[in-house]
């Protein structure tokens, strides 16, 4: 809905704000869909960058997936290392995958697996913050984010790929995810949808679905336009408070918010029932349906979509846990990559599947695997990169990289390059100083 609220509120400068616009029924801490779209105007004015079609879908496996039970299986290792599963051949010669991943097996020729990803931090929050922002900061005993996520940076520097769209969307934000804007501000937090755990951080934007963008009963397009016209009467008030950040670019932002309602493109993207039934059947429900939604959001103009598939911190009974979630994750990701390829979208969309670290090679006394940042397998597809390869290797028990070690900043450089950004590009940080997107890191030459 579009709401014009005449209640008077006092700002710290003494000005009376008598105009409050809420679009799509999404408002929290004074934020609305208009504030979400403020990022696009900021990106255009601050960079002058021509709009790129490049985008990212991040499949975030928070908690840490097991490398030995996915892409780096060791069938010759002792049973307590190799785990409970057999491997199956994939479409990429030399890369067997877990028997629970038949959808991945079909598309591995379109992918790259980095087997030698490694870092030294086994703290969930610290490692997740590092991987999702490119910098250290938070940890398990001090969890607030210190740096903006890669998605928030993309929102700030690039905005959405199509005008009037959401720049970043997050599904199922879990406990070890740092997907927000931090000091870039809540305007660069993702729009949220799906299920959550570990509570909500103050200042996060509201969740929603297709109904969030629909007109309320009795609100015709004529009446909507009448209310938009009414809002123009407050121009004189806006001119008085141009110095307030809350009102900067308000005209432009409001128009984009209204465009979402009138065009219905973003609203339609959330309505997966409009997809043909055969495609919906291929993806399935749950995470599969959300992966389909991710593809639809990218088509509608989203720049960065993150989908959290479950909780992978399996310290005990790992077989029972993976029997349940790995097939669902496999279907969501495998079908998504194939669908993007079939639609000719894969060159412009980088798909990444990773968690904050891997799991211990040796199965523990509780039949699970513990934290192991020394080795993790990461999946990449699309993004204009060269694929159909394995980068790096680990020893006979998947404990340590034996060649081509890839680190956190390299991982983030891959994501940024897939968006058309360079790590040398700068933001002005919260202290007013220019800061490179990453302190270090290189895209592996094998991908270029």
Protein backbone atom coordinates (compact mmCIF):
# COMPACT_ATOMS: atom_id res chain seq x y z
CA UNK A 1 0.00 0.00 0.00
CA UNK A 2 0.92 3.65 -0.30
CA UNK A 3 0.37 5.60 2.90
CA UNK A 4 0.65 9.33 3.45
CA UNK A 5 0.66 9.97 7.17
CA UNK A 6 -0.03 13.45 8.45
CA UNK A 7 1.18 12.90 11.98
CA UNK A 8 3.71 15.50 13.06
CA UNK A 9 7.05 14.32 14.39
CA UNK A 10 9.91 16.51 15.52
CA UNK A 11 13.42 16.03 14.20
CA UNK A 12 16.44 17.05 16.25
CA UNK A 13 16.73 20.21 14.13
CA UNK A 14 13.20 21.23 15.17
CA UNK A 15 11.62 20.68 11.77
CA UNK A 16 8.23 19.03 11.60
CA UNK A 17 8.01 16.01 9.33
CA UNK A 18 4.38 15.69 8.18
CA UNK A 19 5.00 13.42 5.28
CA UNK A 20 5.69 9.75 5.63
CA UNK A 21 5.36 7.43 2.65
CA UNK A 22 5.15 3.72 3.12
CA UNK A 23 5.07 1.54 0.02
CA UNK A 24 4.26 -2.14 0.06
CA UNK A 25 3.41 -2.32 3.75
CA UNK A 26 7.11 -2.55 4.68
CA UNK A 27 8.18 -0.14 7.38
CA UNK A 28 10.45 -0.49 10.38
CA UNK A 29 12.40 2.14 12.32
CA UNK A 30 11.04 4.74 9.87
CA UNK A 31 12.24 2.78 6.84
CA UNK A 32 10.15 1.90 3.79
CA UNK A 33 10.53 0.55 0.30
CA UNK A 34 11.55 4.07 -0.72
CA UNK A 35 14.54 3.81 1.59
CA UNK A 36 15.46 0.49 0.05
CA UNK A 37 15.56 2.15 -3.35
CA UNK A 38 17.60 5.09 -2.13
CA UNK A 39 20.67 2.95 -2.80
CA UNK A 40 20.18 3.15 -6.56
CA UNK A 41 20.24 6.95 -6.64
CA UNK A 42 23.28 6.94 -4.38
CA UNK A 43 25.11 4.47 -6.60
CA UNK A 44 24.38 6.42 -9.76
CA UNK A 45 25.45 9.76 -8.30
CA UNK A 46 28.56 8.51 -6.50
CA UNK A 47 30.13 6.44 -9.24
CA UNK A 48 28.73 7.49 -12.60
CA UNK A 49 29.15 3.83 -13.55
CA UNK A 50 27.19 2.52 -16.51
CA UNK A 51 24.72 -0.13 -15.43
CA UNK A 52 26.15 -3.62 -15.63
CA UNK A 53 24.11 -6.78 -16.01
CA UNK A 54 26.47 -8.75 -13.78
CA UNK A 55 24.90 -10.23 -10.64
CA UNK A 56 25.53 -12.84 -7.96
CA UNK A 57 23.53 -15.62 -6.33
CA UNK A 58 25.28 -16.71 -3.14
CA UNK A 59 24.19 -20.04 -1.68
CA UNK A 60 25.36 -19.62 1.90
CA UNK A 61 25.75 -22.86 3.90
CA UNK A 62 26.09 -21.29 7.31
CA UNK A 63 27.66 -23.50 9.91
CA UNK A 64 30.20 -25.01 7.51
CA UNK A 65 29.65 -27.86 5.02
CA UNK A 66 31.80 -30.99 4.93
CA UNK A 67 34.29 -31.17 2.06
CA UNK A 68 34.63 -34.95 2.45
CA UNK A 69 30.90 -35.51 2.00
CA UNK A 70 30.48 -33.28 -1.08
CA UNK A 71 33.32 -32.45 -3.52
CA UNK A 72 36.52 -33.80 -1.98
CA UNK A 73 35.66 -37.38 -1.16
CA UNK A 74 38.50 -39.67 -0.16
CA UNK A 75 37.35 -43.24 -0.91
CA UNK A 76 40.76 -44.72 -0.04
CA UNK A 77 40.97 -43.04 3.38
CA UNK A 78 40.12 -44.99 6.56
CA UNK A 79 36.41 -45.23 7.32
CA UNK A 80 36.56 -42.70 10.14
CA UNK A 81 37.76 -40.13 7.60
CA UNK A 82 35.97 -40.98 4.37
CA UNK A 83 32.56 -41.01 6.02
CA UNK A 84 29.33 -42.86 5.26
CA UNK A 85 28.81 -42.07 1.57
CA UNK A 86 29.91 -43.43 -1.78
CA UNK A 87 30.88 -41.20 -4.68
CA UNK A 88 29.32 -40.99 -8.14
CA UNK A 89 30.82 -39.79 -11.38
CA UNK A 90 29.96 -36.29 -12.58
CA UNK A 91 29.89 -34.58 -15.96
CA UNK A 92 33.39 -33.25 -15.18
CA UNK A 93 35.93 -36.09 -15.58
CA UNK A 94 38.03 -36.53 -12.46
CA UNK A 95 35.47 -34.95 -10.15
CA UNK A 96 33.30 -37.51 -8.37
CA UNK A 97 30.66 -36.09 -6.04
CA UNK A 98 28.63 -37.50 -3.17
CA UNK A 99 25.94 -40.01 -4.08
CA UNK A 100 23.36 -37.67 -2.52
CA UNK A 101 24.16 -35.02 -5.17
CA UNK A 102 22.89 -36.34 -8.53
CA UNK A 103 21.73 -32.89 -9.69
CA UNK A 104 25.21 -31.48 -9.09
CA UNK A 105 26.71 -34.44 -10.92
CA UNK A 106 24.87 -33.42 -14.10
CA UNK A 107 26.18 -29.85 -14.20
CA UNK A 108 29.76 -30.05 -12.90
CA UNK A 109 31.15 -29.42 -16.39
CA UNK A 110 29.68 -25.90 -16.01
CA UNK A 111 31.34 -25.41 -12.62
CA UNK A 112 34.64 -24.94 -10.87
CA UNK A 113 35.39 -26.55 -7.52
CA UNK A 114 38.08 -24.93 -5.40
CA UNK A 115 39.29 -27.76 -3.17
CA UNK A 116 42.13 -25.82 -1.61
CA UNK A 117 40.23 -23.01 0.06
CA UNK A 118 41.73 -22.49 3.51
CA UNK A 119 41.97 -20.03 6.37
CA UNK A 120 42.80 -20.27 10.05
CA UNK A 121 39.69 -19.16 11.93
CA UNK A 122 37.35 -21.77 13.42
CA UNK A 123 34.99 -19.23 15.06
CA UNK A 124 31.64 -19.21 13.21
CA UNK A 125 31.02 -15.49 13.52
CA UNK A 126 34.59 -14.42 12.88
CA UNK A 127 34.95 -16.63 9.81
CA UNK A 128 31.54 -15.68 8.40
CA UNK A 129 32.22 -11.97 8.88
CA UNK A 130 35.58 -12.37 7.16
CA UNK A 131 34.21 -14.29 4.20
CA UNK A 132 31.11 -12.18 3.63
CA UNK A 133 32.76 -8.79 4.07
CA UNK A 134 36.40 -9.45 3.14
CA UNK A 135 37.62 -8.17 6.50
CA UNK A 136 37.93 -9.38 10.05
CA UNK A 137 35.96 -7.77 12.83
CA UNK A 138 33.24 -9.72 14.62
CA UNK A 139 33.73 -12.91 16.60
CA UNK A 140 31.71 -15.27 18.76
CA UNK A 141 31.95 -13.11 21.87
CA UNK A 142 31.57 -9.77 20.04
CA UNK A 143 29.14 -10.37 17.20
CA UNK A 144 27.94 -7.02 15.75
CA UNK A 145 29.13 -6.47 12.16
CA UNK A 146 32.12 -4.21 11.65
CA UNK A 147 32.13 -4.05 7.84
CA UNK A 148 29.50 -4.04 5.06
CA UNK A 149 28.81 -7.26 3.22
CA UNK A 150 29.74 -7.76 -0.42
CA UNK A 151 26.05 -7.51 -1.25
CA UNK A 152 25.80 -4.17 0.52
CA UNK A 153 28.87 -2.90 -1.34
CA UNK A 154 27.29 -3.96 -4.62
CA UNK A 155 24.15 -2.09 -3.60
CA UNK A 156 26.16 1.04 -2.83
CA UNK A 157 28.40 1.06 -5.90
CA UNK A 158 26.15 -0.54 -8.51
CA UNK A 159 22.54 -0.63 -7.40
CA UNK A 160 20.13 -3.05 -9.09
CA UNK A 161 20.62 -4.12 -12.70
CA UNK A 162 17.26 -2.58 -13.64
CA UNK A 163 15.82 0.69 -12.42
CA UNK A 164 13.13 0.42 -9.80
CA UNK A 165 14.23 -3.00 -8.56
CA UNK A 166 15.60 -4.25 -5.26
CA UNK A 167 19.39 -4.27 -5.19
CA UNK A 168 19.91 -7.06 -2.64
CA UNK A 169 17.67 -9.79 -1.30
CA UNK A 170 18.42 -12.38 1.40
CA UNK A 171 16.49 -15.57 2.09
CA UNK A 172 16.63 -17.48 5.37
CA UNK A 173 19.24 -15.28 7.03
CA UNK A 174 20.89 -17.58 9.55
CA UNK A 175 22.96 -17.11 12.66
CA UNK A 176 26.40 -16.91 11.00
CA UNK A 177 25.51 -14.58 8.13
CA UNK A 178 26.77 -11.01 7.76
CA UNK A 179 24.67 -9.89 4.80
CA UNK A 180 23.91 -6.33 5.93
CA UNK A 181 25.17 -2.82 5.32
CA UNK A 182 26.98 -2.12 8.62
CA UNK A 183 28.33 1.45 8.40
CA UNK A 184 27.00 1.84 4.86
CA UNK A 185 23.61 2.13 6.54
CA UNK A 186 20.40 0.16 6.67
CA UNK A 187 19.44 1.39 3.20
CA UNK A 188 21.97 -1.17 1.92
CA UNK A 189 20.69 -4.05 4.03
CA UNK A 190 19.04 -6.76 1.95
CA UNK A 191 15.31 -7.14 1.61
CA UNK A 192 14.57 -10.29 3.59
CA UNK A 193 12.29 -13.21 2.98
CA UNK A 194 12.06 -16.76 4.34
CA UNK A 195 12.75 -18.32 7.71
CA UNK A 196 15.30 -17.06 10.21
CA UNK A 197 17.14 -18.17 13.30
CA UNK A 198 19.13 -16.61 16.16
CA UNK A 199 16.86 -13.56 16.32
CA UNK A 200 16.85 -10.39 14.26
CA UNK A 201 19.43 -7.63 14.43
CA UNK A 202 18.08 -4.17 15.15
CA UNK A 203 17.78 -2.13 12.00
CA UNK A 204 17.32 -5.01 9.60
CA UNK A 205 14.77 -4.38 6.92
CA UNK A 206 11.42 -6.16 7.07
CA UNK A 207 10.63 -9.41 5.38
CA UNK A 208 8.00 -9.84 2.73
CA UNK A 209 6.70 -11.68 -0.29
CA UNK A 210 4.56 -10.93 -3.35
CA UNK A 211 1.79 -9.57 -1.14
CA UNK A 212 4.17 -6.93 0.22
CA UNK A 213 4.04 -5.19 -3.14
CA UNK A 214 0.31 -5.45 -3.86
CA UNK A 215 -2.16 -2.57 -3.73
CA UNK A 216 -4.57 -2.67 -0.81
CA UNK A 217 -8.22 -3.47 -1.49
CA UNK A 218 -9.98 -0.54 -3.11
CA UNK A 219 -6.73 1.19 -4.10
CA UNK A 220 -7.03 1.65 -7.87
CA UNK A 221 -4.19 2.97 -10.01
CA UNK A 222 -6.12 6.25 -10.35
CA UNK A 223 -6.37 6.60 -6.59
CA UNK A 224 -2.70 5.70 -6.24
CA UNK A 225 -1.74 8.40 -8.70
CA UNK A 226 -4.00 10.86 -6.86
CA UNK A 227 -2.08 10.16 -3.67
CA UNK A 228 1.21 10.54 -5.46
CA UNK A 229 -0.01 13.90 -6.67
CA UNK A 230 -0.94 14.84 -3.14
CA UNK A 231 2.59 14.12 -2.03
CA UNK A 232 3.87 16.80 -4.40
CA UNK A 233 2.18 19.40 -2.20
CA UNK A 234 4.83 18.81 0.40
CA UNK A 235 7.67 19.98 -1.86
CA UNK A 236 8.07 23.18 0.09
CA UNK A 237 8.58 21.20 3.29
CA UNK A 238 11.16 19.01 1.61
CA UNK A 239 13.07 22.06 0.45
CA UNK A 240 13.30 23.20 4.05
CA UNK A 241 14.94 19.95 5.12
CA UNK A 242 17.27 19.27 2.20
CA UNK A 243 20.10 19.04 4.67
CA UNK A 244 18.53 16.01 6.32
CA UNK A 245 19.87 12.67 5.05
CA UNK A 246 16.42 11.15 5.59
CA UNK A 247 15.06 13.26 2.75
CA UNK A 248 17.94 13.27 0.32
CA UNK A 249 16.87 12.11 -3.18
CA UNK A 250 13.32 11.65 -1.90
CA UNK A 251 11.52 12.65 -5.11
CA UNK A 252 13.56 10.23 -7.20
CA UNK A 253 13.27 7.45 -4.64
CA UNK A 254 9.52 7.84 -4.24
CA UNK A 255 9.05 7.64 -8.00
CA UNK A 256 11.02 4.39 -8.15
CA UNK A 257 8.95 2.95 -5.31
CA UNK A 258 5.77 3.86 -7.16
CA UNK A 259 7.22 2.32 -10.35
CA UNK A 260 7.46 -1.01 -8.53
CA UNK A 261 3.77 -0.85 -7.73
CA UNK A 262 2.72 0.27 -11.20
CA UNK A 263 4.95 -2.02 -13.26
CA UNK A 264 4.59 -5.03 -11.00
CA UNK A 265 7.97 -6.44 -12.10
CA UNK A 266 9.38 -6.99 -8.61
CA UNK A 267 6.02 -8.02 -7.23
CA UNK A 268 5.67 -10.58 -10.00
CA UNK A 269 9.15 -11.92 -9.33
CA UNK A 270 8.10 -12.92 -5.83
CA UNK A 271 5.06 -14.73 -7.17
CA UNK A 272 6.55 -18.04 -8.27
CA UNK A 273 3.05 -19.35 -9.07
CA UNK A 274 3.38 -17.46 -12.35
CA UNK A 275 6.23 -19.76 -13.39
CA UNK A 276 5.32 -22.65 -15.68
CA UNK A 277 4.52 -25.84 -13.81
CA UNK A 278 7.28 -27.93 -15.35
CA UNK A 279 9.92 -25.50 -14.10
CA UNK A 280 8.35 -25.39 -10.64
CA UNK A 281 8.31 -29.18 -10.56
CA UNK A 282 11.99 -29.32 -11.53
CA UNK A 283 12.99 -27.03 -8.64
CA UNK A 284 10.62 -28.58 -6.12
CA UNK A 285 9.52 -26.90 -2.92
CA UNK A 286 11.43 -25.45 0.02
CA UNK A 287 14.97 -24.40 -0.93
CA UNK A 288 14.23 -25.39 -4.51
CA UNK A 289 11.38 -22.94 -4.73
CA UNK A 290 13.58 -20.28 -3.15
CA UNK A 291 16.31 -20.97 -5.71
CA UNK A 292 13.67 -20.41 -8.40
CA UNK A 293 12.74 -17.18 -6.66
CA UNK A 294 16.42 -16.17 -6.71
CA UNK A 295 16.51 -16.63 -10.49
CA UNK A 296 13.29 -14.63 -10.89
CA UNK A 297 14.63 -11.81 -8.72
CA UNK A 298 17.80 -11.64 -10.80
CA UNK A 299 15.68 -11.41 -13.95
CA UNK A 300 13.66 -8.62 -12.34
CA UNK A 301 16.81 -6.60 -11.66
CA UNK A 302 18.26 -7.72 -8.32
CA UNK A 303 22.04 -7.41 -8.15
CA UNK A 304 22.88 -9.73 -5.25
CA UNK A 305 20.68 -12.53 -3.92
CA UNK A 306 21.78 -14.74 -1.04
CA UNK A 307 20.01 -17.97 -0.14
CA UNK A 308 20.87 -19.74 3.10
CA UNK A 309 20.29 -23.49 2.77
CA UNK A 310 20.06 -24.83 6.25
CA UNK A 311 22.44 -25.21 9.13
CA UNK A 312 25.57 -27.25 8.34
CA UNK A 313 27.21 -27.30 11.78
CA UNK A 314 26.89 -31.07 12.22
CA UNK A 315 28.95 -31.94 15.29
CA UNK A 316 26.94 -35.12 15.81
CA UNK A 317 25.08 -37.69 13.70
CA UNK A 318 26.23 -36.12 10.45
CA UNK A 319 24.76 -38.89 8.30
CA UNK A 320 21.28 -38.31 9.64
CA UNK A 321 21.66 -34.56 9.08
CA UNK A 322 23.04 -34.83 5.55
CA UNK A 323 20.53 -37.50 4.54
CA UNK A 324 17.89 -34.86 5.19
CA UNK A 325 19.35 -31.63 3.84
CA UNK A 326 21.98 -32.53 1.25
CA UNK A 327 19.46 -33.86 -1.33
CA UNK A 328 17.38 -30.70 -0.92
CA UNK A 329 20.45 -28.48 -1.28
CA UNK A 330 21.61 -30.57 -4.25
CA UNK A 331 18.32 -30.12 -6.09
CA UNK A 332 18.09 -26.40 -5.42
CA UNK A 333 21.62 -25.60 -6.58
CA UNK A 334 21.92 -28.13 -9.41
CA UNK A 335 18.60 -27.21 -11.00
CA UNK A 336 19.32 -23.49 -10.58
CA UNK A 337 22.64 -23.70 -12.44
CA UNK A 338 21.13 -25.77 -15.24
CA UNK A 339 18.17 -23.40 -15.53
CA UNK A 340 20.42 -20.35 -15.72
CA UNK A 341 22.47 -22.07 -18.43
CA UNK A 342 19.36 -23.03 -20.42
CA UNK A 343 18.13 -19.44 -20.31
CA UNK A 344 21.45 -17.98 -21.42
CA UNK A 345 21.89 -16.18 -18.10
CA UNK A 346 24.88 -18.01 -16.66
CA UNK A 347 27.58 -15.78 -18.16
CA UNK A 348 26.12 -12.77 -16.36
CA UNK A 349 25.18 -14.52 -13.10
CA UNK A 350 27.86 -15.85 -10.75
CA UNK A 351 26.58 -18.68 -8.56
CA UNK A 352 28.64 -19.42 -5.45
CA UNK A 353 28.04 -22.13 -2.85
CA UNK A 354 30.14 -21.93 0.32
CA UNK A 355 30.09 -21.75 4.11
CA UNK A 356 32.44 -20.14 6.59
CA UNK A 357 34.71 -23.21 6.85
CA UNK A 358 34.88 -26.97 6.30
CA UNK A 359 34.60 -29.88 8.72
CA UNK A 360 37.14 -32.05 10.49
CA UNK A 361 38.34 -34.93 8.31
CA UNK A 362 38.11 -37.39 11.19
CA UNK A 363 34.60 -38.20 12.38
CA UNK A 364 34.27 -37.57 16.11
CA UNK A 365 32.87 -39.76 18.88
CA UNK A 366 29.38 -38.34 18.30
CA UNK A 367 29.43 -39.46 14.65
CA UNK A 368 29.81 -35.86 13.50
CA UNK A 369 32.47 -33.53 12.19
CA UNK A 370 33.75 -30.43 13.98
CA UNK A 371 35.01 -27.07 12.72
CA UNK A 372 37.90 -27.22 10.26
CA UNK A 373 38.94 -23.95 8.57
CA UNK A 374 42.10 -25.49 7.13
CA UNK A 375 40.24 -27.01 4.15
CA UNK A 376 36.93 -26.39 2.43
CA UNK A 377 35.52 -27.03 -1.04
CA UNK A 378 33.79 -24.11 -2.75
CA UNK A 379 31.56 -24.35 -5.83
CA UNK A 380 31.47 -21.67 -8.55
CA UNK A 381 29.47 -21.45 -11.75
CA UNK A 382 28.87 -18.72 -14.32
CA UNK A 383 29.92 -15.11 -13.88
CA UNK A 384 31.89 -15.06 -17.11
CA UNK A 385 34.59 -17.27 -15.63
CA UNK A 386 36.29 -20.27 -17.19
CA UNK A 387 34.78 -23.45 -15.76
CA UNK A 388 34.88 -27.22 -16.03
CA UNK A 389 37.86 -27.55 -13.70
CA UNK A 390 39.16 -28.29 -10.23
CA UNK A 391 41.44 -25.74 -8.59
CA UNK A 392 43.83 -26.97 -5.92
CA UNK A 393 44.03 -30.22 -4.00
CA UNK A 394 44.20 -31.53 -0.46
CA UNK A 395 46.12 -34.38 1.12
CA UNK A 396 44.85 -37.95 1.34
CA UNK A 397 42.51 -37.12 4.25
CA UNK A 398 41.30 -33.68 3.06
CA UNK A 399 43.04 -32.08 6.01
CA UNK A 400 45.27 -29.46 4.34
CA UNK A 401 45.82 -27.99 0.87
CA UNK A 402 48.73 -29.53 -0.95
CA UNK A 403 48.65 -27.13 -3.89
CA UNK A 404 47.14 -23.81 -4.94
CA UNK A 405 45.92 -22.53 -1.59
CA UNK A 406 43.10 -20.00 -1.97
CA UNK A 407 42.30 -17.59 0.87
CA UNK A 408 39.40 -15.46 2.05
CA UNK A 409 40.37 -12.27 0.22
CA UNK A 410 40.82 -14.32 -2.98
CA UNK A 411 37.30 -15.66 -2.53
CA UNK A 412 35.91 -12.14 -2.12
CA UNK A 413 37.94 -10.94 -5.12
CA UNK A 414 36.24 -13.66 -7.20
CA UNK A 415 32.81 -12.41 -6.14
CA UNK A 416 33.63 -8.75 -6.75
CA UNK A 417 35.18 -9.49 -10.15
CA UNK A 418 32.03 -11.40 -11.06
CA UNK A 419 30.10 -8.17 -10.40
CA UNK A 420 32.49 -6.11 -12.49
CA UNK A 421 34.19 -4.58 -9.44
CA UNK A 422 37.86 -4.50 -8.51
CA UNK A 423 39.30 -4.85 -5.03
CA UNK A 424 41.22 -1.58 -5.60
CA UNK A 425 37.99 0.40 -5.84
CA UNK A 426 37.21 2.48 -2.79
CA UNK A 427 34.44 3.37 -0.40
CA UNK A 428 34.44 6.21 2.09
CA UNK A 429 34.31 4.48 5.47
CA UNK A 430 32.52 5.58 8.63
CA UNK A 431 35.51 7.72 9.63
CA UNK A 432 35.46 9.58 6.31
CA UNK A 433 38.52 7.87 4.88
CA UNK A 434 38.77 6.04 1.55
CA UNK A 435 39.04 2.27 1.90
CA UNK A 436 39.71 -0.35 -0.77
CA UNK A 437 37.03 -2.98 -1.16
CA UNK A 438 39.58 -5.59 -0.06
CA UNK A 439 42.93 -5.29 1.70
CA UNK A 440 44.38 -7.99 -0.58
CA UNK A 441 43.33 -10.94 -2.72
CA UNK A 442 43.49 -12.02 -6.36
CA UNK A 443 41.17 -13.85 -8.69
CA UNK A 444 42.80 -17.23 -9.43
CA UNK A 445 44.29 -17.11 -12.92
CA UNK A 446 42.65 -20.44 -13.74
CA UNK A 447 39.25 -18.73 -13.76
CA UNK A 448 40.25 -15.98 -16.19
